[in-house]
Structures are given as C-alpha cells and as structure tokens.
C-alpha cells in the first residue's frame, strides 16, 4: 500500500494504448463453458501491459480513484474528404458504436490487480470519444 511519504504516492498513473479500442463484449457460452471473446482478451492484455509499464513497480492503489479516458477513433475511410476533415477538427463527433460505456468497462476490468485492487475504488469517471488520425486510448488513473 502506498503511503503519502513514499515516492510516487498520490501520483497519477498515465498510459496510452495504441490501436483500435475494443469494447467489452458479453461472455460467450459453448455448452456449459463460458469464455471471453478473443478480441476482448487480446485488447485487455495490451491494456494490462501498458498499465503495468506505467506502474513501474509501484504498489496497487488502495484509495478512491478518478478515471479519465480519451478514446481516439479512426475516421471512416469511406467518408468524403470534407467530412473526414470536419471529424478531425471536432465538428463531427462519433455518436455511433462502439458504446462509450463498453469501451470504459474493458479498460476498467483490465486495470484490476494491475493499477488498483478493484474497479469498485473508482469514484469518478470522465470519458470521451473523438475522431483522430491515430486510434488509441489515453488513460489517467488518479488517486483522489
């Protein structure tokens, strides 16, 4: 547990996951066997690796947490150039799938036992989807 006298105490954990963000998906069933879809498992592994690197050996956060996530989505290639430019300028916003709450859930679950003990410690979430040239997710986990 981090105390306020230790180096790194109360410092936010910041990391970026490059590439297309994958939303959380309902657990699948094959008979009585439950499984997490492969794309979700792979994306969560990428998030865990980035989060673990950002932790740099720190202990898990054991306090209330604020979570800030920015999801950068790729602009559809099928759009006309003028619409792509408008999207990159922020005039067109991604009000279409994937759902923001499912994107957040995937990040929250991946950070369990890597950044914090449990996502129940999160007391405030700020999240946004926007179009960008390079898709990815920027995450800040800040002790409150």
N, C-alpha and C. Protein backbone atom coordinates (compact mmCIF):
# COMPACT_ATOMS: atom_id res chain seq x y z
N UNK A 1 0.84 -1.18 0.00
CA UNK A 1 0.00 0.00 0.00
C UNK A 1 0.88 1.24 0.00
N UNK A 2 0.52 2.22 -0.80
CA UNK A 2 1.30 3.45 -0.88
C UNK A 2 0.85 4.39 0.22
N UNK A 3 1.82 4.92 0.92
CA UNK A 3 1.51 5.95 1.90
C UNK A 3 2.00 7.27 1.32
N UNK A 4 1.57 8.37 1.91
CA UNK A 4 1.92 9.67 1.35
C UNK A 4 3.40 10.00 1.45
N UNK A 5 4.16 9.30 2.30
CA UNK A 5 5.58 9.57 2.45
C UNK A 5 6.44 8.83 1.43
N UNK A 6 5.88 7.86 0.74
CA UNK A 6 6.65 7.09 -0.23
C UNK A 6 6.76 7.85 -1.54
N UNK A 7 7.89 7.63 -2.28
CA UNK A 7 7.99 8.23 -3.61
C UNK A 7 6.90 7.66 -4.50
N UNK A 8 6.30 8.49 -5.29
CA UNK A 8 5.24 8.04 -6.20
C UNK A 8 3.86 8.02 -5.56
N UNK A 9 3.79 8.32 -4.26
CA UNK A 9 2.50 8.32 -3.59
C UNK A 9 1.62 9.42 -4.17
N UNK A 10 0.39 9.11 -4.35
CA UNK A 10 -0.62 10.05 -4.81
C UNK A 10 -0.34 10.63 -6.20
N UNK A 11 0.54 10.01 -6.94
CA UNK A 11 0.82 10.43 -8.31
C UNK A 11 -0.11 9.70 -9.26
N UNK A 12 -0.64 10.37 -10.27
CA UNK A 12 -1.49 9.67 -11.22
C UNK A 12 -0.70 8.68 -12.05
N UNK A 13 -1.38 7.66 -12.50
CA UNK A 13 -0.81 6.66 -13.40
C UNK A 13 -1.36 6.99 -14.79
N UNK A 14 -0.47 7.27 -15.74
CA UNK A 14 -0.87 7.67 -17.08
C UNK A 14 -0.28 6.70 -18.09
N UNK A 15 -1.11 6.26 -19.03
CA UNK A 15 -0.61 5.39 -20.09
C UNK A 15 -1.50 5.50 -21.32
N UNK A 16 -0.94 5.05 -22.44
CA UNK A 16 -1.64 5.08 -23.72
C UNK A 16 -1.61 3.70 -24.33
N UNK A 17 -2.72 3.30 -24.93
CA UNK A 17 -2.80 2.04 -25.66
C UNK A 17 -3.07 2.39 -27.11
N UNK A 18 -2.11 2.09 -27.97
CA UNK A 18 -2.25 2.41 -29.40
C UNK A 18 -3.16 1.41 -30.09
N UNK A 19 -3.77 1.86 -31.17
CA UNK A 19 -4.62 0.98 -31.97
C UNK A 19 -6.08 1.11 -31.62
N UNK A 20 -6.89 0.36 -32.35
CA UNK A 20 -8.34 0.40 -32.19
C UNK A 20 -8.75 -0.10 -30.81
N UNK A 21 -9.54 0.70 -30.10
CA UNK A 21 -10.07 0.30 -28.80
C UNK A 21 -11.16 -0.75 -29.02
N UNK A 22 -11.17 -1.76 -28.16
CA UNK A 22 -12.13 -2.84 -28.28
C UNK A 22 -13.11 -2.74 -27.11
N UNK A 23 -14.41 -2.70 -27.40
CA UNK A 23 -15.39 -2.62 -26.32
C UNK A 23 -15.56 -3.97 -25.63
N UNK A 24 -15.95 -3.90 -24.37
CA UNK A 24 -16.27 -5.10 -23.62
C UNK A 24 -17.42 -5.80 -24.33
N UNK A 25 -17.36 -7.12 -24.37
CA UNK A 25 -18.42 -7.91 -25.01
C UNK A 25 -18.91 -8.95 -24.01
N UNK A 26 -20.17 -9.26 -24.12
CA UNK A 26 -20.78 -10.25 -23.25
C UNK A 26 -20.03 -11.57 -23.35
N UNK A 27 -19.90 -12.24 -22.21
CA UNK A 27 -19.23 -13.54 -22.17
C UNK A 27 -20.01 -14.53 -23.03
N UNK A 28 -19.28 -15.27 -23.84
CA UNK A 28 -19.92 -16.27 -24.70
C UNK A 28 -20.05 -17.61 -24.00
N UNK A 29 -20.90 -18.47 -24.54
CA UNK A 29 -21.11 -19.82 -23.98
C UNK A 29 -20.95 -20.85 -25.07
N UNK A 30 -20.26 -21.92 -24.74
CA UNK A 30 -20.22 -23.12 -25.58
C UNK A 30 -20.66 -24.25 -24.67
N UNK A 31 -21.94 -24.54 -24.71
CA UNK A 31 -22.48 -25.50 -23.76
C UNK A 31 -22.44 -24.89 -22.38
N UNK A 32 -21.80 -25.56 -21.42
CA UNK A 32 -21.71 -25.04 -20.06
C UNK A 32 -20.41 -24.26 -19.83
N UNK A 33 -19.57 -24.15 -20.85
CA UNK A 33 -18.30 -23.46 -20.73
C UNK A 33 -18.46 -21.99 -21.14
N UNK A 34 -18.02 -21.07 -20.27
CA UNK A 34 -18.07 -19.64 -20.55
C UNK A 34 -16.70 -19.18 -21.03
N UNK A 35 -16.69 -18.20 -21.95
CA UNK A 35 -15.41 -17.68 -22.44
C UNK A 35 -15.54 -16.21 -22.78
N UNK A 36 -14.41 -15.51 -22.69
CA UNK A 36 -14.33 -14.12 -23.11
C UNK A 36 -13.89 -14.10 -24.56
N UNK A 37 -14.57 -13.35 -25.42
CA UNK A 37 -14.19 -13.31 -26.84
C UNK A 37 -12.71 -12.93 -27.02
N UNK A 38 -12.07 -13.54 -27.99
CA UNK A 38 -10.63 -13.34 -28.23
C UNK A 38 -10.24 -11.88 -28.43
N UNK A 39 -10.96 -11.08 -29.23
CA UNK A 39 -10.55 -9.67 -29.38
C UNK A 39 -10.52 -8.92 -28.04
N UNK A 40 -11.47 -9.21 -27.17
CA UNK A 40 -11.52 -8.55 -25.86
C UNK A 40 -10.33 -9.00 -25.02
N UNK A 41 -10.05 -10.31 -24.99
CA UNK A 41 -8.91 -10.83 -24.24
C UNK A 41 -7.60 -10.21 -24.72
N UNK A 42 -7.42 -10.12 -26.04
CA UNK A 42 -6.19 -9.56 -26.60
C UNK A 42 -6.04 -8.08 -26.25
N UNK A 43 -7.14 -7.33 -26.36
CA UNK A 43 -7.07 -5.90 -26.06
C UNK A 43 -6.79 -5.68 -24.57
N UNK A 44 -7.43 -6.45 -23.72
CA UNK A 44 -7.19 -6.31 -22.29
C UNK A 44 -5.74 -6.65 -21.94
N UNK A 45 -5.15 -7.58 -22.65
CA UNK A 45 -3.73 -7.90 -22.43
C UNK A 45 -2.85 -6.70 -22.80
N UNK A 46 -3.20 -5.99 -23.88
CA UNK A 46 -2.45 -4.79 -24.28
C UNK A 46 -2.60 -3.70 -23.22
N UNK A 47 -3.81 -3.53 -22.71
CA UNK A 47 -4.05 -2.51 -21.68
C UNK A 47 -3.26 -2.86 -20.42
N UNK A 48 -3.28 -4.13 -20.02
CA UNK A 48 -2.54 -4.56 -18.83
C UNK A 48 -1.05 -4.31 -18.99
N UNK A 49 -0.51 -4.59 -20.17
CA UNK A 49 0.92 -4.37 -20.41
C UNK A 49 1.27 -2.89 -20.30
N UNK A 50 0.46 -2.04 -20.91
CA UNK A 50 0.71 -0.59 -20.84
C UNK A 50 0.56 -0.07 -19.41
N UNK A 51 -0.46 -0.54 -18.71
CA UNK A 51 -0.70 -0.11 -17.33
C UNK A 51 0.43 -0.59 -16.42
N UNK A 52 0.87 -1.81 -16.61
CA UNK A 52 1.94 -2.36 -15.79
C UNK A 52 3.24 -1.58 -15.99
N UNK A 53 3.54 -1.22 -17.23
CA UNK A 53 4.72 -0.41 -17.52
C UNK A 53 4.61 0.96 -16.85
N UNK A 54 3.42 1.54 -16.86
CA UNK A 54 3.22 2.86 -16.24
C UNK A 54 3.33 2.78 -14.73
N UNK A 55 2.97 1.66 -14.16
CA UNK A 55 3.07 1.49 -12.70
C UNK A 55 4.53 1.45 -12.26
N UNK A 56 5.41 0.95 -13.10
CA UNK A 56 6.85 0.93 -12.83
C UNK A 56 7.19 0.39 -11.45
N UNK A 57 6.55 -0.69 -11.07
CA UNK A 57 6.88 -1.33 -9.79
C UNK A 57 6.16 -0.77 -8.58
N UNK A 58 5.32 0.23 -8.76
CA UNK A 58 4.56 0.78 -7.64
C UNK A 58 3.58 -0.25 -7.10
N UNK A 59 3.19 -0.10 -5.85
CA UNK A 59 2.15 -0.93 -5.28
C UNK A 59 0.80 -0.55 -5.87
N UNK A 60 -0.15 -1.47 -5.80
CA UNK A 60 -1.51 -1.20 -6.26
C UNK A 60 -2.09 -0.03 -5.48
N UNK A 61 -2.86 0.81 -6.16
CA UNK A 61 -3.55 1.90 -5.49
C UNK A 61 -4.65 1.31 -4.61
N UNK A 62 -4.74 1.80 -3.39
CA UNK A 62 -5.73 1.27 -2.46
C UNK A 62 -6.57 2.40 -1.89
N UNK A 63 -6.93 3.36 -2.71
CA UNK A 63 -7.67 4.53 -2.28
C UNK A 63 -8.76 4.83 -3.30
N UNK A 64 -9.64 5.78 -3.03
CA UNK A 64 -10.61 6.20 -4.05
C UNK A 64 -9.88 6.75 -5.27
N UNK A 65 -10.45 6.50 -6.45
CA UNK A 65 -9.76 6.80 -7.71
C UNK A 65 -10.67 7.57 -8.67
N UNK A 66 -10.07 8.51 -9.39
CA UNK A 66 -10.71 9.17 -10.52
C UNK A 66 -10.11 8.55 -11.78
N UNK A 67 -10.96 8.22 -12.75
CA UNK A 67 -10.52 7.63 -14.01
C UNK A 67 -10.85 8.59 -15.14
N UNK A 68 -9.86 8.91 -15.95
CA UNK A 68 -10.06 9.78 -17.11
C UNK A 68 -9.58 9.01 -18.33
N UNK A 69 -10.47 8.86 -19.33
CA UNK A 69 -10.13 8.09 -20.53
C UNK A 69 -10.56 8.87 -21.77
N UNK A 70 -9.64 8.96 -22.73
CA UNK A 70 -9.92 9.58 -24.03
C UNK A 70 -9.75 8.50 -25.09
N UNK A 71 -10.83 8.19 -25.78
CA UNK A 71 -10.77 7.20 -26.86
C UNK A 71 -10.69 7.93 -28.19
N UNK A 72 -9.61 7.70 -28.91
CA UNK A 72 -9.42 8.27 -30.24
C UNK A 72 -9.82 7.21 -31.26
N UNK A 73 -10.86 7.49 -32.02
CA UNK A 73 -11.38 6.54 -33.00
C UNK A 73 -10.94 6.95 -34.40
N UNK A 74 -10.71 5.96 -35.23
CA UNK A 74 -10.32 6.22 -36.61
C UNK A 74 -11.50 6.81 -37.38
N UNK A 75 -11.20 7.74 -38.25
CA UNK A 75 -12.23 8.32 -39.12
C UNK A 75 -12.51 7.31 -40.22
N UNK A 76 -13.78 7.00 -40.49
CA UNK A 76 -14.10 6.04 -41.55
C UNK A 76 -13.49 6.46 -42.90
N UNK A 77 -12.82 5.54 -43.55
CA UNK A 77 -12.19 5.82 -44.84
C UNK A 77 -13.22 6.05 -45.94
N UNK A 78 -14.43 5.53 -45.74
CA UNK A 78 -15.47 5.65 -46.76
C UNK A 78 -16.05 7.07 -46.82
N UNK A 79 -15.77 7.90 -45.83
CA UNK A 79 -16.30 9.26 -45.81
C UNK A 79 -15.59 10.13 -46.84
N UNK A 80 -16.32 11.13 -47.34
CA UNK A 80 -15.71 12.11 -48.23
C UNK A 80 -14.64 12.88 -47.46
N UNK A 81 -13.68 13.42 -48.20
CA UNK A 81 -12.56 14.13 -47.56
C UNK A 81 -13.02 15.31 -46.71
N UNK A 82 -14.05 16.02 -47.17
CA UNK A 82 -14.53 17.16 -46.39
C UNK A 82 -15.12 16.71 -45.05
N UNK A 83 -15.78 15.54 -45.05
CA UNK A 83 -16.35 15.04 -43.79
C UNK A 83 -15.25 14.50 -42.88
N UNK A 84 -14.23 13.88 -43.46
CA UNK A 84 -13.08 13.42 -42.66
C UNK A 84 -12.40 14.61 -41.99
N UNK A 85 -12.21 15.69 -42.75
CA UNK A 85 -11.58 16.89 -42.20
C UNK A 85 -12.42 17.49 -41.08
N UNK A 86 -13.73 17.49 -41.26
CA UNK A 86 -14.63 18.01 -40.23
C UNK A 86 -14.56 17.14 -38.96
N UNK A 87 -14.45 15.84 -39.14
CA UNK A 87 -14.34 14.93 -38.00
C UNK A 87 -13.04 15.17 -37.23
N UNK A 88 -11.95 15.31 -37.95
CA UNK A 88 -10.66 15.56 -37.31
C UNK A 88 -10.61 16.92 -36.62
N UNK A 89 -11.38 17.87 -37.11
CA UNK A 89 -11.45 19.20 -36.49
C UNK A 89 -12.40 19.21 -35.29
N UNK A 90 -13.12 18.12 -35.06
CA UNK A 90 -14.03 18.05 -33.92
C UNK A 90 -15.43 18.49 -34.22
N UNK A 91 -15.74 18.77 -35.50
CA UNK A 91 -17.09 19.22 -35.86
C UNK A 91 -18.05 18.07 -36.04
N UNK A 92 -17.54 16.87 -36.30
CA UNK A 92 -18.35 15.66 -36.40
C UNK A 92 -17.87 14.75 -35.27
N UNK A 93 -18.80 14.32 -34.43
CA UNK A 93 -18.43 13.50 -33.28
C UNK A 93 -18.94 12.08 -33.48
N UNK A 94 -18.25 11.10 -32.91
CA UNK A 94 -18.59 9.69 -33.12
C UNK A 94 -19.77 9.22 -32.27
N UNK A 95 -20.97 9.58 -32.67
CA UNK A 95 -22.18 9.17 -31.95
C UNK A 95 -22.71 7.87 -32.54
N UNK A 96 -21.83 6.90 -32.64
CA UNK A 96 -22.17 5.59 -33.19
C UNK A 96 -21.35 4.54 -32.44
N UNK A 97 -21.65 3.25 -32.67
CA UNK A 97 -20.86 2.22 -31.97
C UNK A 97 -19.37 2.38 -32.26
N UNK A 98 -18.54 1.99 -31.31
CA UNK A 98 -18.83 1.27 -30.07
C UNK A 98 -19.34 2.21 -28.97
N UNK A 99 -20.12 1.63 -28.06
CA UNK A 99 -20.68 2.39 -26.95
C UNK A 99 -19.57 2.80 -25.99
N UNK A 100 -19.63 4.03 -25.52
CA UNK A 100 -18.61 4.55 -24.62
C UNK A 100 -18.52 3.74 -23.33
N UNK A 101 -19.66 3.34 -22.78
CA UNK A 101 -19.63 2.59 -21.52
C UNK A 101 -18.96 1.22 -21.68
N UNK A 102 -19.12 0.59 -22.83
CA UNK A 102 -18.46 -0.70 -23.06
C UNK A 102 -16.95 -0.53 -23.27
N UNK A 103 -16.54 0.58 -23.88
CA UNK A 103 -15.12 0.86 -24.01
C UNK A 103 -14.49 1.08 -22.63
N UNK A 104 -15.18 1.83 -21.78
CA UNK A 104 -14.70 2.10 -20.43
C UNK A 104 -14.58 0.81 -19.63
N UNK A 105 -15.59 -0.05 -19.73
CA UNK A 105 -15.60 -1.29 -18.95
C UNK A 105 -14.39 -2.16 -19.28
N UNK A 106 -14.01 -2.21 -20.53
CA UNK A 106 -12.86 -3.01 -20.94
C UNK A 106 -11.58 -2.49 -20.28
N UNK A 107 -11.42 -1.18 -20.24
CA UNK A 107 -10.25 -0.55 -19.59
C UNK A 107 -10.29 -0.80 -18.09
N UNK A 108 -11.44 -0.56 -17.46
CA UNK A 108 -11.58 -0.75 -16.01
C UNK A 108 -11.22 -2.17 -15.60
N UNK A 109 -11.78 -3.15 -16.30
CA UNK A 109 -11.53 -4.54 -15.95
C UNK A 109 -10.06 -4.92 -16.14
N UNK A 110 -9.43 -4.39 -17.19
CA UNK A 110 -8.03 -4.71 -17.45
C UNK A 110 -7.10 -4.14 -16.38
N UNK A 111 -7.50 -3.03 -15.76
CA UNK A 111 -6.64 -2.41 -14.74
C UNK A 111 -6.78 -3.03 -13.35
N UNK A 112 -7.79 -3.90 -13.17
CA UNK A 112 -7.93 -4.61 -11.90
C UNK A 112 -6.67 -5.41 -11.62
N UNK A 113 -6.17 -5.32 -10.40
CA UNK A 113 -4.98 -6.05 -9.94
C UNK A 113 -3.71 -5.66 -10.71
N UNK A 114 -3.76 -4.57 -11.48
CA UNK A 114 -2.57 -4.05 -12.16
C UNK A 114 -2.29 -2.64 -11.65
N UNK A 115 -3.32 -1.79 -11.65
CA UNK A 115 -3.18 -0.41 -11.17
C UNK A 115 -3.85 -0.27 -9.80
N UNK A 116 -5.00 -0.85 -9.66
CA UNK A 116 -5.75 -0.79 -8.40
C UNK A 116 -6.26 -2.17 -8.05
N UNK A 117 -6.71 -2.31 -6.82
CA UNK A 117 -7.17 -3.63 -6.36
C UNK A 117 -8.45 -4.05 -7.06
N UNK A 118 -9.41 -3.11 -7.15
CA UNK A 118 -10.70 -3.44 -7.77
C UNK A 118 -11.31 -2.17 -8.33
N UNK A 119 -12.05 -2.32 -9.43
CA UNK A 119 -12.63 -1.13 -10.05
C UNK A 119 -13.75 -0.51 -9.22
N UNK A 120 -14.13 -1.15 -8.12
CA UNK A 120 -15.10 -0.53 -7.21
C UNK A 120 -14.50 0.70 -6.51
N UNK A 121 -13.18 0.86 -6.57
CA UNK A 121 -12.50 2.01 -5.98
C UNK A 121 -12.72 3.28 -6.81
N UNK A 122 -13.18 3.13 -8.04
CA UNK A 122 -13.39 4.30 -8.90
C UNK A 122 -14.61 5.07 -8.43
N UNK A 123 -14.40 6.35 -8.12
CA UNK A 123 -15.49 7.18 -7.62
C UNK A 123 -15.94 8.22 -8.64
N UNK A 124 -15.10 8.46 -9.67
CA UNK A 124 -15.48 9.42 -10.71
C UNK A 124 -14.84 8.99 -12.03
N UNK A 125 -15.64 9.10 -13.10
CA UNK A 125 -15.15 8.75 -14.43
C UNK A 125 -15.41 9.93 -15.37
N UNK A 126 -14.38 10.30 -16.12
CA UNK A 126 -14.51 11.27 -17.20
C UNK A 126 -14.05 10.56 -18.45
N UNK A 127 -14.91 10.47 -19.45
CA UNK A 127 -14.56 9.74 -20.67
C UNK A 127 -15.11 10.46 -21.89
N UNK A 128 -14.40 10.26 -23.00
CA UNK A 128 -14.80 10.91 -24.25
C UNK A 128 -14.36 10.07 -25.43
N UNK A 129 -15.19 10.08 -26.47
CA UNK A 129 -14.82 9.51 -27.77
C UNK A 129 -14.64 10.67 -28.73
N UNK A 130 -13.62 10.57 -29.55
CA UNK A 130 -13.43 11.60 -30.58
C UNK A 130 -12.73 10.94 -31.77
N UNK A 131 -12.82 11.59 -32.91
CA UNK A 131 -12.10 11.10 -34.09
C UNK A 131 -10.68 11.65 -34.05
N UNK A 132 -9.72 10.84 -34.50
CA UNK A 132 -8.33 11.26 -34.55
C UNK A 132 -7.61 10.52 -35.67
N UNK A 133 -6.45 11.04 -36.03
CA UNK A 133 -5.65 10.39 -37.08
C UNK A 133 -5.14 9.03 -36.64
N UNK A 134 -4.75 8.94 -35.38
CA UNK A 134 -4.21 7.68 -34.84
C UNK A 134 -5.16 7.16 -33.76
N UNK A 135 -5.78 6.01 -33.98
CA UNK A 135 -6.66 5.46 -32.96
C UNK A 135 -5.88 4.99 -31.73
N UNK A 136 -6.54 5.05 -30.59
CA UNK A 136 -5.93 4.60 -29.35
C UNK A 136 -6.73 5.10 -28.16
N UNK A 137 -6.21 4.79 -26.98
CA UNK A 137 -6.86 5.22 -25.75
C UNK A 137 -5.80 5.80 -24.82
N UNK A 138 -6.09 6.97 -24.25
CA UNK A 138 -5.22 7.59 -23.26
C UNK A 138 -5.93 7.49 -21.91
N UNK A 139 -5.21 6.98 -20.92
CA UNK A 139 -5.82 6.70 -19.62
C UNK A 139 -5.04 7.40 -18.52
N UNK A 140 -5.78 8.02 -17.60
CA UNK A 140 -5.19 8.60 -16.39
C UNK A 140 -5.97 8.03 -15.20
N UNK A 141 -5.25 7.40 -14.29
CA UNK A 141 -5.84 6.88 -13.06
C UNK A 141 -5.25 7.71 -11.94
N UNK A 142 -6.08 8.52 -11.30
CA UNK A 142 -5.59 9.47 -10.30
C UNK A 142 -6.20 9.20 -8.93
N UNK A 143 -5.37 9.02 -7.91
CA UNK A 143 -5.89 8.91 -6.56
C UNK A 143 -6.58 10.22 -6.18
N UNK A 144 -7.69 10.13 -5.43
CA UNK A 144 -8.38 11.37 -5.03
C UNK A 144 -8.02 11.75 -3.62
